Amino acid sequence: MAVMKEYNINRHYTSKHIGFGSNLSTAEREKKATELQDKLVKQQHVFCKINIEQQAATEASFVVAHNIAKHSKPFSDAEFVKQCIMDVAERVCPESKQKLEGVSLSRRTVARRIEAIDADLKSQLSDKVKSFNWFSLALDESTDIDDTAQLLIFVRGISDNFQITEELLSMESMKDTTTGDDLLDSVKNAIMRCKSLNFHGEN
């Protein structure tokens, strides 16, 4: 492989750059190579800067989506938030306005961000649940504005190092009746979706 690489580089040099550096001394060639290397680093830095700005814009989009979900606001409010941000930036820091325009806060984007946050939280809870030696469940039933019964299922577990975790496991909508059997079925379904919990074990 080393021989083939050397041959390919040599062939490219002799066919494309045969006249380059033929009249330069060894010191001048080294200087030219250093200049070309510095130029390459600067070009790479430009791409890194763009990637950093894009990452910051994505993180900002997630922060806004998280706050919207946390306060139960409509997804469309994100567009209003962005408009307010742009108006403030235009008066306070006009040089940053272009960067803020890259923050995507459309209704669809916010919905995708919230779904991604939800999946990540579920994954974190699933990883924590795997370390539980003992766990208990707590239930809370309430009715929403549509007069639909909502069952909140909380899990509380303890690991080998006695670290206690308390999290919301699931929210189950009770569409029909809310008898004891219905509550038990909802709890079973929630635990079956969280396969890390052993429903038949000690709890």
N, C-alpha and C. Protein backbone atom coordinates (compact mmCIF):
# COMPACT_ATOMS: atom_id res chain seq x y z
N MET A 1 0.83 -1.21 0.00
CA MET A 1 0.00 0.00 0.00
C MET A 1 0.87 1.26 0.00
N ALA A 2 1.97 1.23 0.79
CA ALA A 2 2.84 2.40 0.85
C ALA A 2 3.46 2.68 -0.52
N VAL A 3 3.86 1.60 -1.24
CA VAL A 3 4.47 1.77 -2.57
C VAL A 3 3.44 2.36 -3.54
N MET A 4 2.23 1.87 -3.49
CA MET A 4 1.19 2.37 -4.39
C MET A 4 0.88 3.84 -4.10
N LYS A 5 0.82 4.23 -2.82
CA LYS A 5 0.56 5.62 -2.48
C LYS A 5 1.67 6.52 -2.99
N GLU A 6 2.92 6.07 -2.79
CA GLU A 6 4.05 6.88 -3.26
C GLU A 6 4.01 7.02 -4.77
N TYR A 7 3.67 5.93 -5.46
CA TYR A 7 3.60 5.97 -6.93
C TYR A 7 2.51 6.92 -7.40
N ASN A 8 1.35 6.87 -6.78
CA ASN A 8 0.24 7.73 -7.19
C ASN A 8 0.56 9.20 -6.96
N ILE A 9 1.17 9.50 -5.82
CA ILE A 9 1.53 10.89 -5.53
C ILE A 9 2.60 11.38 -6.52
N ASN A 10 3.57 10.52 -6.80
CA ASN A 10 4.64 10.89 -7.73
C ASN A 10 4.08 11.11 -9.13
N ARG A 11 3.18 10.25 -9.54
CA ARG A 11 2.58 10.39 -10.88
C ARG A 11 1.75 11.67 -10.96
N HIS A 12 0.98 11.97 -9.91
CA HIS A 12 0.19 13.20 -9.91
C HIS A 12 1.09 14.43 -9.97
N TYR A 13 2.19 14.39 -9.24
CA TYR A 13 3.09 15.54 -9.21
C TYR A 13 3.74 15.76 -10.58
N THR A 14 4.22 14.67 -11.19
CA THR A 14 4.92 14.81 -12.47
C THR A 14 3.97 15.17 -13.62
N SER A 15 2.70 14.78 -13.51
CA SER A 15 1.75 15.06 -14.59
C SER A 15 1.04 16.41 -14.42
N LYS A 16 0.85 16.85 -13.19
CA LYS A 16 0.08 18.08 -12.95
C LYS A 16 0.94 19.25 -12.48
N HIS A 17 2.03 18.98 -11.78
CA HIS A 17 2.80 20.05 -11.16
C HIS A 17 4.29 19.92 -11.46
N ILE A 18 4.63 19.51 -12.68
CA ILE A 18 6.02 19.27 -13.02
C ILE A 18 6.84 20.56 -12.95
N GLY A 19 6.19 21.71 -13.26
CA GLY A 19 6.93 22.97 -13.25
C GLY A 19 6.92 23.67 -11.91
N PHE A 20 6.18 23.15 -10.95
CA PHE A 20 6.06 23.81 -9.66
C PHE A 20 7.28 23.50 -8.79
N GLY A 21 7.94 24.53 -8.36
CA GLY A 21 9.05 24.37 -7.44
C GLY A 21 10.34 23.88 -8.06
N SER A 22 10.39 23.78 -9.41
CA SER A 22 11.62 23.27 -10.04
C SER A 22 12.77 24.26 -9.92
N ASN A 23 12.44 25.56 -9.81
CA ASN A 23 13.47 26.58 -9.71
C ASN A 23 13.63 27.10 -8.29
N LEU A 24 13.12 26.35 -7.30
CA LEU A 24 13.20 26.79 -5.90
C LEU A 24 14.25 25.98 -5.17
N SER A 25 14.89 26.64 -4.22
CA SER A 25 15.87 25.95 -3.40
C SER A 25 15.14 25.12 -2.34
N THR A 26 15.90 24.33 -1.60
CA THR A 26 15.31 23.48 -0.57
C THR A 26 14.61 24.32 0.50
N ALA A 27 15.25 25.42 0.93
CA ALA A 27 14.66 26.29 1.95
C ALA A 27 13.39 26.95 1.43
N GLU A 28 13.41 27.36 0.16
CA GLU A 28 12.23 28.00 -0.42
C GLU A 28 11.08 27.00 -0.56
N ARG A 29 11.40 25.75 -0.87
CA ARG A 29 10.36 24.73 -0.95
C ARG A 29 9.72 24.47 0.41
N GLU A 30 10.56 24.42 1.43
CA GLU A 30 10.03 24.21 2.78
C GLU A 30 9.13 25.38 3.19
N LYS A 31 9.54 26.61 2.84
CA LYS A 31 8.73 27.77 3.17
C LYS A 31 7.39 27.72 2.43
N LYS A 32 7.45 27.32 1.14
CA LYS A 32 6.22 27.24 0.34
C LYS A 32 5.30 26.15 0.89
N ALA A 33 5.87 25.04 1.30
CA ALA A 33 5.07 23.95 1.86
C ALA A 33 4.39 24.39 3.17
N THR A 34 5.12 25.16 3.98
CA THR A 34 4.55 25.67 5.23
C THR A 34 3.40 26.63 4.95
N GLU A 35 3.57 27.50 3.93
CA GLU A 35 2.50 28.43 3.56
C GLU A 35 1.26 27.69 3.09
N LEU A 36 1.46 26.66 2.27
CA LEU A 36 0.33 25.88 1.80
C LEU A 36 -0.37 25.16 2.95
N GLN A 37 0.42 24.66 3.88
CA GLN A 37 -0.16 23.98 5.04
C GLN A 37 -0.98 24.94 5.89
N ASP A 38 -0.45 26.16 6.12
CA ASP A 38 -1.19 27.16 6.88
C ASP A 38 -2.49 27.54 6.17
N LYS A 39 -2.43 27.62 4.84
CA LYS A 39 -3.62 27.95 4.07
C LYS A 39 -4.68 26.86 4.21
N LEU A 40 -4.23 25.61 4.21
CA LEU A 40 -5.16 24.49 4.39
C LEU A 40 -5.81 24.53 5.77
N VAL A 41 -5.01 24.84 6.80
CA VAL A 41 -5.55 24.92 8.17
C VAL A 41 -6.60 26.01 8.27
N LYS A 42 -6.37 27.16 7.63
CA LYS A 42 -7.34 28.25 7.65
C LYS A 42 -8.63 27.83 6.96
N GLN A 43 -8.53 27.12 5.84
CA GLN A 43 -9.72 26.65 5.15
C GLN A 43 -10.51 25.67 6.03
N GLN A 44 -9.79 24.77 6.69
CA GLN A 44 -10.45 23.84 7.58
C GLN A 44 -11.11 24.55 8.76
N HIS A 45 -10.46 25.62 9.24
CA HIS A 45 -11.02 26.38 10.36
C HIS A 45 -12.35 27.03 9.98
N VAL A 46 -12.44 27.46 8.71
CA VAL A 46 -13.70 28.06 8.25
C VAL A 46 -14.83 27.04 8.35
N PHE A 47 -14.58 25.81 7.89
CA PHE A 47 -15.61 24.77 7.95
C PHE A 47 -15.95 24.43 9.40
N CYS A 48 -14.94 24.39 10.28
CA CYS A 48 -15.19 24.10 11.70
C CYS A 48 -16.04 25.19 12.32
N LYS A 49 -15.78 26.45 11.95
CA LYS A 49 -16.56 27.55 12.49
C LYS A 49 -18.01 27.45 12.05
N ILE A 50 -18.23 27.07 10.79
CA ILE A 50 -19.60 26.91 10.30
C ILE A 50 -20.31 25.79 11.05
N ASN A 51 -19.61 24.69 11.28
CA ASN A 51 -20.21 23.57 12.01
C ASN A 51 -20.55 23.96 13.45
N ILE A 52 -19.67 24.74 14.09
CA ILE A 52 -19.93 25.18 15.46
C ILE A 52 -21.16 26.08 15.51
N GLU A 53 -21.29 26.98 14.54
CA GLU A 53 -22.45 27.87 14.49
C GLU A 53 -23.73 27.08 14.25
N GLN A 54 -23.68 26.08 13.37
CA GLN A 54 -24.85 25.25 13.11
C GLN A 54 -25.24 24.45 14.35
N GLN A 55 -24.23 23.94 15.07
CA GLN A 55 -24.51 23.19 16.29
C GLN A 55 -25.15 24.09 17.34
N ALA A 56 -24.65 25.31 17.47
CA ALA A 56 -25.22 26.26 18.43
C ALA A 56 -26.66 26.59 18.07
N ALA A 57 -26.94 26.76 16.78
CA ALA A 57 -28.31 27.05 16.35
C ALA A 57 -29.24 25.88 16.65
N THR A 58 -28.75 24.66 16.45
CA THR A 58 -29.56 23.48 16.76
C THR A 58 -29.83 23.37 18.25
N GLU A 59 -28.81 23.62 19.06
CA GLU A 59 -28.99 23.57 20.52
C GLU A 59 -30.00 24.63 20.97
N ALA A 60 -29.93 25.82 20.39
CA ALA A 60 -30.89 26.87 20.74
C ALA A 60 -32.31 26.46 20.37
N SER A 61 -32.45 25.79 19.24
CA SER A 61 -33.77 25.31 18.82
C SER A 61 -34.32 24.29 19.81
N PHE A 62 -33.45 23.40 20.31
CA PHE A 62 -33.87 22.42 21.30
C PHE A 62 -34.27 23.10 22.61
N VAL A 63 -33.54 24.14 23.02
CA VAL A 63 -33.86 24.84 24.26
C VAL A 63 -35.25 25.47 24.19
N VAL A 64 -35.55 26.13 23.07
CA VAL A 64 -36.87 26.76 22.91
C VAL A 64 -37.96 25.69 22.89
N ALA A 65 -37.72 24.59 22.17
CA ALA A 65 -38.71 23.51 22.10
C ALA A 65 -38.97 22.91 23.48
N HIS A 66 -37.90 22.75 24.27
CA HIS A 66 -38.04 22.21 25.61
C HIS A 66 -38.89 23.14 26.49
N ASN A 67 -38.66 24.44 26.39
CA ASN A 67 -39.44 25.39 27.19
C ASN A 67 -40.91 25.41 26.75
N ILE A 68 -41.15 25.29 25.46
CA ILE A 68 -42.53 25.26 24.96
C ILE A 68 -43.26 24.03 25.50
N ALA A 69 -42.59 22.87 25.44
CA ALA A 69 -43.22 21.66 25.96
C ALA A 69 -43.39 21.73 27.48
N LYS A 70 -42.41 22.30 28.16
CA LYS A 70 -42.45 22.38 29.62
C LYS A 70 -43.61 23.24 30.10
N HIS A 71 -43.93 24.30 29.36
CA HIS A 71 -45.00 25.21 29.76
C HIS A 71 -46.30 24.95 29.00
N SER A 72 -46.35 23.82 28.26
CA SER A 72 -47.58 23.40 27.56
C SER A 72 -48.09 24.48 26.59
N LYS A 73 -47.18 25.08 25.85
CA LYS A 73 -47.55 26.09 24.88
C LYS A 73 -47.72 25.47 23.50
N PRO A 74 -48.52 26.09 22.63
CA PRO A 74 -48.65 25.57 21.25
C PRO A 74 -47.33 25.61 20.51
N PHE A 75 -47.13 24.65 19.62
CA PHE A 75 -45.88 24.60 18.85
C PHE A 75 -45.69 25.86 18.00
N SER A 76 -46.80 26.44 17.55
CA SER A 76 -46.71 27.62 16.69
C SER A 76 -46.16 28.83 17.43
N ASP A 77 -46.16 28.80 18.77
CA ASP A 77 -45.62 29.93 19.53
C ASP A 77 -44.13 30.11 19.29
N ALA A 78 -43.44 29.06 18.83
CA ALA A 78 -42.00 29.17 18.59
C ALA A 78 -41.71 30.20 17.50
N GLU A 79 -42.57 30.28 16.49
CA GLU A 79 -42.37 31.26 15.44
C GLU A 79 -42.52 32.68 15.99
N PHE A 80 -43.47 32.86 16.92
CA PHE A 80 -43.62 34.16 17.56
C PHE A 80 -42.40 34.50 18.41
N VAL A 81 -41.87 33.48 19.10
CA VAL A 81 -40.66 33.69 19.91
C VAL A 81 -39.49 34.12 19.02
N LYS A 82 -39.35 33.46 17.88
CA LYS A 82 -38.25 33.82 16.97
C LYS A 82 -38.39 35.24 16.45
N GLN A 83 -39.62 35.64 16.15
CA GLN A 83 -39.84 37.00 15.67
C GLN A 83 -39.44 38.02 16.74
N CYS A 84 -39.77 37.71 18.00
CA CYS A 84 -39.38 38.60 19.09
C CYS A 84 -37.86 38.65 19.23
N ILE A 85 -37.21 37.49 19.08
CA ILE A 85 -35.75 37.45 19.18
C ILE A 85 -35.11 38.28 18.07
N MET A 86 -35.63 38.18 16.86
CA MET A 86 -35.07 38.92 15.74
C MET A 86 -35.26 40.42 15.93
N ASP A 87 -36.42 40.83 16.45
CA ASP A 87 -36.66 42.26 16.69
C ASP A 87 -35.71 42.80 17.75
N VAL A 88 -35.49 42.01 18.80
CA VAL A 88 -34.56 42.44 19.85
C VAL A 88 -33.13 42.50 19.32
N ALA A 89 -32.73 41.47 18.54
CA ALA A 89 -31.37 41.44 18.00
C ALA A 89 -31.11 42.60 17.05
N GLU A 90 -32.13 42.99 16.31
CA GLU A 90 -31.96 44.09 15.36
C GLU A 90 -31.62 45.40 16.08
N ARG A 91 -32.09 45.55 17.30
CA ARG A 91 -31.88 46.80 18.04
C ARG A 91 -30.72 46.70 19.03
N VAL A 92 -30.46 45.50 19.53
CA VAL A 92 -29.43 45.35 20.56
C VAL A 92 -28.09 44.90 19.97
N CYS A 93 -28.14 43.87 19.13
CA CYS A 93 -26.89 43.32 18.55
C CYS A 93 -27.12 42.97 17.08
N PRO A 94 -27.14 43.98 16.21
CA PRO A 94 -27.40 43.72 14.78
C PRO A 94 -26.40 42.77 14.15
N GLU A 95 -25.16 42.75 14.69
CA GLU A 95 -24.14 41.88 14.10
C GLU A 95 -24.46 40.40 14.31
N SER A 96 -25.31 40.08 15.27
CA SER A 96 -25.67 38.68 15.55
C SER A 96 -26.99 38.26 14.91
N LYS A 97 -27.63 39.16 14.20
CA LYS A 97 -28.94 38.87 13.63
C LYS A 97 -28.88 37.72 12.64
N GLN A 98 -27.83 37.68 11.82
CA GLN A 98 -27.71 36.62 10.82
C GLN A 98 -27.56 35.25 11.48
N LYS A 99 -26.83 35.19 12.60
CA LYS A 99 -26.67 33.92 13.31
C LYS A 99 -28.01 33.45 13.87
N LEU A 100 -28.79 34.38 14.40
CA LEU A 100 -30.08 34.01 15.00
C LEU A 100 -31.08 33.57 13.95
N GLU A 101 -30.91 34.06 12.73
CA GLU A 101 -31.81 33.64 11.66
C GLU A 101 -31.66 32.15 11.35
N GLY A 102 -30.49 31.60 11.69
CA GLY A 102 -30.26 30.18 11.43
C GLY A 102 -30.93 29.26 12.43
N VAL A 103 -31.54 29.80 13.48
CA VAL A 103 -32.24 28.98 14.46
C VAL A 103 -33.62 28.63 13.91
N SER A 104 -33.82 27.35 13.63
CA SER A 104 -35.08 26.90 13.03
C SER A 104 -36.11 26.67 14.12
N LEU A 105 -37.23 27.41 14.03
CA LEU A 105 -38.29 27.31 15.05
C LEU A 105 -39.66 27.19 14.41
N SER A 106 -39.73 26.52 13.28
CA SER A 106 -41.04 26.28 12.67
C SER A 106 -41.82 25.26 13.49
N ARG A 107 -43.11 25.16 13.23
CA ARG A 107 -43.95 24.24 14.01
C ARG A 107 -43.48 22.80 13.84
N ARG A 108 -43.14 22.41 12.62
CA ARG A 108 -42.66 21.04 12.39
C ARG A 108 -41.34 20.78 13.09
N THR A 109 -40.44 21.74 13.03
CA THR A 109 -39.15 21.57 13.69
C THR A 109 -39.31 21.41 15.19
N VAL A 110 -40.16 22.23 15.79
CA VAL A 110 -40.40 22.14 17.23
C VAL A 110 -40.99 20.79 17.59
N ALA A 111 -41.91 20.30 16.76
CA ALA A 111 -42.50 18.97 17.02
C ALA A 111 -41.43 17.89 16.98
N ARG A 112 -40.51 17.96 15.99
CA ARG A 112 -39.43 16.97 15.91
C ARG A 112 -38.49 17.09 17.10
N ARG A 113 -38.19 18.32 17.51
CA ARG A 113 -37.30 18.51 18.66
C ARG A 113 -37.91 17.90 19.93
N ILE A 114 -39.20 18.13 20.14
CA ILE A 114 -39.86 17.60 21.34
C ILE A 114 -39.90 16.08 21.30
N GLU A 115 -40.13 15.51 20.12
CA GLU A 115 -40.10 14.05 19.99
C GLU A 115 -38.71 13.50 20.31
N ALA A 116 -37.67 14.21 19.85
CA ALA A 116 -36.29 13.78 20.13
C ALA A 116 -35.99 13.87 21.62
N ILE A 117 -36.45 14.94 22.27
CA ILE A 117 -36.25 15.09 23.72
C ILE A 117 -36.97 13.97 24.46
N ASP A 118 -38.19 13.67 24.03
CA ASP A 118 -38.97 12.60 24.67
C ASP A 118 -38.26 11.26 24.54
N ALA A 119 -37.75 10.97 23.35
CA ALA A 119 -37.04 9.70 23.14
C ALA A 119 -35.78 9.62 23.99
N ASP A 120 -35.08 10.75 24.11
CA ASP A 120 -33.86 10.76 24.91
C ASP A 120 -34.17 10.56 26.39
N LEU A 121 -35.23 11.19 26.90
CA LEU A 121 -35.61 11.02 28.30
C LEU A 121 -36.02 9.58 28.59
N LYS A 122 -36.75 8.98 27.66
CA LYS A 122 -37.15 7.58 27.83
C LYS A 122 -35.92 6.67 27.84
N SER A 123 -34.96 6.96 26.99
CA SER A 123 -33.74 6.15 26.94
C SER A 123 -32.96 6.28 28.24
N GLN A 124 -32.87 7.51 28.78
CA GLN A 124 -32.16 7.71 30.05
C GLN A 124 -32.86 6.97 31.19
N LEU A 125 -34.21 7.04 31.21
CA LEU A 125 -34.94 6.35 32.27
C LEU A 125 -34.77 4.84 32.14
N SER A 126 -34.79 4.34 30.91
CA SER A 126 -34.61 2.90 30.70
C SER A 126 -33.25 2.44 31.20
N ASP A 127 -32.21 3.25 30.97
CA ASP A 127 -30.88 2.90 31.44
C ASP A 127 -30.81 2.92 32.97
N LYS A 128 -31.49 3.88 33.60
CA LYS A 128 -31.49 3.94 35.06
C LYS A 128 -32.25 2.76 35.66
N VAL A 129 -33.35 2.40 35.01
CA VAL A 129 -34.19 1.32 35.53
C VAL A 129 -33.43 -0.01 35.56
N LYS A 130 -32.50 -0.20 34.62
CA LYS A 130 -31.74 -1.44 34.57
C LYS A 130 -30.90 -1.66 35.82
N SER A 131 -30.57 -0.57 36.51
CA SER A 131 -29.73 -0.69 37.71
C SER A 131 -30.56 -0.85 38.99
N PHE A 132 -31.90 -0.87 38.87
CA PHE A 132 -32.74 -0.98 40.06
C PHE A 132 -32.67 -2.39 40.64
N ASN A 133 -32.47 -2.47 41.94
CA ASN A 133 -32.63 -3.73 42.66
C ASN A 133 -34.04 -3.87 43.22
N TRP A 134 -34.60 -2.74 43.62
CA TRP A 134 -35.95 -2.68 44.16
C TRP A 134 -36.65 -1.47 43.54
N PHE A 135 -37.93 -1.59 43.32
CA PHE A 135 -38.67 -0.44 42.81
C PHE A 135 -40.11 -0.49 43.30
N SER A 136 -40.73 0.66 43.34
CA SER A 136 -42.14 0.77 43.71
C SER A 136 -42.83 1.71 42.72
N LEU A 137 -44.15 1.58 42.62
CA LEU A 137 -44.93 2.41 41.70
C LEU A 137 -45.93 3.24 42.50
N ALA A 138 -46.17 4.45 42.06
CA ALA A 138 -47.19 5.32 42.64
C ALA A 138 -48.10 5.79 41.53
N LEU A 139 -49.40 5.80 41.78
CA LEU A 139 -50.39 6.17 40.77
C LEU A 139 -51.13 7.43 41.20
N ASP A 140 -51.46 8.25 40.23
CA ASP A 140 -52.25 9.46 40.48
C ASP A 140 -53.20 9.64 39.31
N GLU A 141 -54.49 9.71 39.61
CA GLU A 141 -55.49 9.85 38.56
C GLU A 141 -56.11 11.23 38.63
N SER A 142 -56.24 11.86 37.47
CA SER A 142 -56.88 13.17 37.38
C SER A 142 -57.62 13.26 36.05
N THR A 143 -58.36 14.34 35.87
CA THR A 143 -59.16 14.54 34.65
C THR A 143 -58.69 15.80 33.96
N ASP A 144 -58.49 15.73 32.63
CA ASP A 144 -58.03 16.90 31.89
C ASP A 144 -59.22 17.77 31.47
N ILE A 145 -58.96 18.80 30.67
CA ILE A 145 -60.00 19.76 30.28
C ILE A 145 -61.04 19.14 29.37
N ASP A 146 -60.71 18.00 28.74
CA ASP A 146 -61.66 17.30 27.87
C ASP A 146 -62.45 16.25 28.63
N ASP A 147 -62.34 16.27 29.96
CA ASP A 147 -63.04 15.33 30.82
C ASP A 147 -62.59 13.89 30.55
N THR A 148 -61.31 13.72 30.22
CA THR A 148 -60.73 12.40 30.01
C THR A 148 -59.82 12.07 31.19
N ALA A 149 -60.04 10.91 31.78
CA ALA A 149 -59.23 10.52 32.93
C ALA A 149 -57.80 10.20 32.48
N GLN A 150 -56.83 10.76 33.19
CA GLN A 150 -55.42 10.54 32.90
C GLN A 150 -54.76 9.87 34.11
N LEU A 151 -54.11 8.75 33.88
CA LEU A 151 -53.44 8.02 34.95
C LEU A 151 -51.95 8.27 34.87
N LEU A 152 -51.38 8.89 35.90
CA LEU A 152 -49.94 9.14 35.97
C LEU A 152 -49.30 8.03 36.77
N ILE A 153 -48.26 7.43 36.19
CA ILE A 153 -47.56 6.32 36.82
C ILE A 153 -46.13 6.76 37.11
N PHE A 154 -45.77 6.79 38.39
CA PHE A 154 -44.43 7.18 38.81
C PHE A 154 -43.67 5.94 39.29
N VAL A 155 -42.39 5.89 39.00
CA VAL A 155 -41.55 4.78 39.43
C VAL A 155 -40.48 5.33 40.38
N ARG A 156 -40.23 4.59 41.45
CA ARG A 156 -39.20 4.97 42.42
C ARG A 156 -38.35 3.73 42.68
N GLY A 157 -37.06 3.83 42.37
CA GLY A 157 -36.19 2.66 42.48
C GLY A 157 -34.88 2.99 43.18
N ILE A 158 -34.21 1.94 43.63
CA ILE A 158 -32.93 2.08 44.31
C ILE A 158 -31.94 1.10 43.70
N SER A 159 -30.71 1.55 43.50
CA SER A 159 -29.68 0.74 42.84
C SER A 159 -28.74 0.13 43.86
N ASP A 160 -27.70 -0.54 43.38
CA ASP A 160 -26.72 -1.19 44.27
C ASP A 160 -26.04 -0.20 45.21
N ASN A 161 -25.75 0.99 44.70
CA ASN A 161 -25.04 1.99 45.51
C ASN A 161 -26.01 2.90 46.27
N PHE A 162 -27.25 2.42 46.43
CA PHE A 162 -28.29 3.13 47.20
C PHE A 162 -28.64 4.49 46.60
N GLN A 163 -28.53 4.60 45.29
CA GLN A 163 -28.95 5.81 44.61
C GLN A 163 -30.44 5.70 44.28
N ILE A 164 -31.23 6.67 44.76
CA ILE A 164 -32.69 6.64 44.59
C ILE A 164 -33.08 7.49 43.39
N THR A 165 -33.94 6.93 42.54
CA THR A 165 -34.43 7.63 41.35
C THR A 165 -35.95 7.68 41.39
N GLU A 166 -36.51 8.84 41.19
CA GLU A 166 -37.96 9.03 41.11
C GLU A 166 -38.28 9.73 39.79
N GLU A 167 -39.06 9.08 38.94
CA GLU A 167 -39.37 9.64 37.63
C GLU A 167 -40.80 9.28 37.23
N LEU A 168 -41.35 10.07 36.30
CA LEU A 168 -42.64 9.76 35.70
C LEU A 168 -42.43 8.66 34.67
N LEU A 169 -43.05 7.51 34.88
CA LEU A 169 -42.88 6.39 33.96
C LEU A 169 -43.77 6.53 32.74
N SER A 170 -45.04 6.92 32.96
CA SER A 170 -45.96 7.01 31.83
C SER A 170 -47.21 7.78 32.24
N MET A 171 -47.91 8.29 31.24
CA MET A 171 -49.23 8.89 31.44
C MET A 171 -50.20 8.15 30.53
N GLU A 172 -51.16 7.46 31.12
CA GLU A 172 -52.10 6.63 30.38
C GLU A 172 -53.47 7.31 30.34
N SER A 173 -54.03 7.42 29.14
CA SER A 173 -55.37 7.99 28.99
C SER A 173 -56.42 6.90 29.19
N MET A 174 -57.33 7.13 30.12
CA MET A 174 -58.40 6.18 30.41
C MET A 174 -59.62 6.59 29.60
N LYS A 175 -59.78 5.99 28.44
CA LYS A 175 -60.84 6.42 27.51
C LYS A 175 -62.23 6.00 27.98
N ASP A 176 -62.34 4.84 28.61
CA ASP A 176 -63.66 4.33 28.98
C ASP A 176 -63.86 4.41 30.50
N THR A 177 -63.88 3.27 31.13
CA THR A 177 -64.08 3.23 32.58
C THR A 177 -62.75 3.32 33.32
N THR A 178 -62.86 3.57 34.62
CA THR A 178 -61.65 3.70 35.45
C THR A 178 -61.75 2.75 36.65
N THR A 179 -62.13 1.52 36.39
CA THR A 179 -62.22 0.53 37.46
C THR A 179 -60.82 0.07 37.86
N GLY A 180 -60.77 -0.73 38.94
CA GLY A 180 -59.49 -1.25 39.38
C GLY A 180 -58.81 -2.09 38.32
N ASP A 181 -59.60 -2.88 37.60
CA ASP A 181 -59.03 -3.70 36.52
C ASP A 181 -58.46 -2.84 35.40
N ASP A 182 -59.15 -1.74 35.08
CA ASP A 182 -58.66 -0.84 34.04
C ASP A 182 -57.33 -0.20 34.45
N LEU A 183 -57.26 0.20 35.71
CA LEU A 183 -56.01 0.79 36.20
C LEU A 183 -54.87 -0.22 36.16
N LEU A 184 -55.18 -1.47 36.56
CA LEU A 184 -54.15 -2.51 36.56
C LEU A 184 -53.67 -2.79 35.14
N ASP A 185 -54.60 -2.84 34.18
CA ASP A 185 -54.21 -3.08 32.78
C ASP A 185 -53.33 -1.95 32.25
N SER A 186 -53.65 -0.71 32.62
CA SER A 186 -52.85 0.43 32.17
C SER A 186 -51.44 0.36 32.75
N VAL A 187 -51.35 -0.03 34.02
CA VAL A 187 -50.04 -0.16 34.65
C VAL A 187 -49.23 -1.26 33.98
N LYS A 188 -49.88 -2.40 33.70
CA LYS A 188 -49.19 -3.51 33.03
C LYS A 188 -48.69 -3.07 31.66
N ASN A 189 -49.53 -2.36 30.90
CA ASN A 189 -49.11 -1.92 29.57
C ASN A 189 -47.92 -0.97 29.63
N ALA A 190 -47.94 -0.07 30.62
CA ALA A 190 -46.83 0.87 30.77
C ALA A 190 -45.55 0.14 31.10
N ILE A 191 -45.63 -0.87 31.97
CA ILE A 191 -44.43 -1.61 32.37
C ILE A 191 -43.94 -2.50 31.24
N MET A 192 -44.86 -3.05 30.47
CA MET A 192 -44.44 -3.87 29.33
C MET A 192 -43.68 -3.05 28.30
N ARG A 193 -44.05 -1.77 28.16
CA ARG A 193 -43.32 -0.90 27.23
C ARG A 193 -41.93 -0.57 27.78
N CYS A 194 -41.81 -0.53 29.09
CA CYS A 194 -40.49 -0.33 29.71
C CYS A 194 -39.97 -1.71 30.10
N LYS A 195 -39.33 -2.39 29.16
CA LYS A 195 -38.96 -3.79 29.35
C LYS A 195 -37.88 -3.97 30.41
N SER A 196 -37.26 -2.88 30.85
CA SER A 196 -36.22 -3.01 31.86
C SER A 196 -36.80 -3.34 33.24
N LEU A 197 -38.10 -3.03 33.44
CA LEU A 197 -38.73 -3.31 34.73
C LEU A 197 -39.24 -4.75 34.75
N ASN A 198 -39.02 -5.41 35.84
CA ASN A 198 -39.49 -6.78 36.03
C ASN A 198 -40.77 -6.74 36.83
N PHE A 199 -41.92 -6.81 36.15
CA PHE A 199 -43.21 -6.66 36.81
C PHE A 199 -43.48 -7.81 37.77
N HIS A 200 -42.92 -8.98 37.48
CA HIS A 200 -43.18 -10.16 38.32
C HIS A 200 -42.16 -10.29 39.43
N GLY A 201 -41.18 -9.36 39.50
CA GLY A 201 -40.16 -9.46 40.54
C GLY A 201 -40.58 -8.75 41.79
N GLU A 202 -39.62 -8.55 42.69
CA GLU A 202 -39.91 -7.86 43.95
C GLU A 202 -40.11 -6.38 43.66
N ASN A 203 -41.18 -5.82 44.20
CA ASN A 203 -41.44 -4.39 44.00
C ASN A 203 -42.31 -3.88 45.12
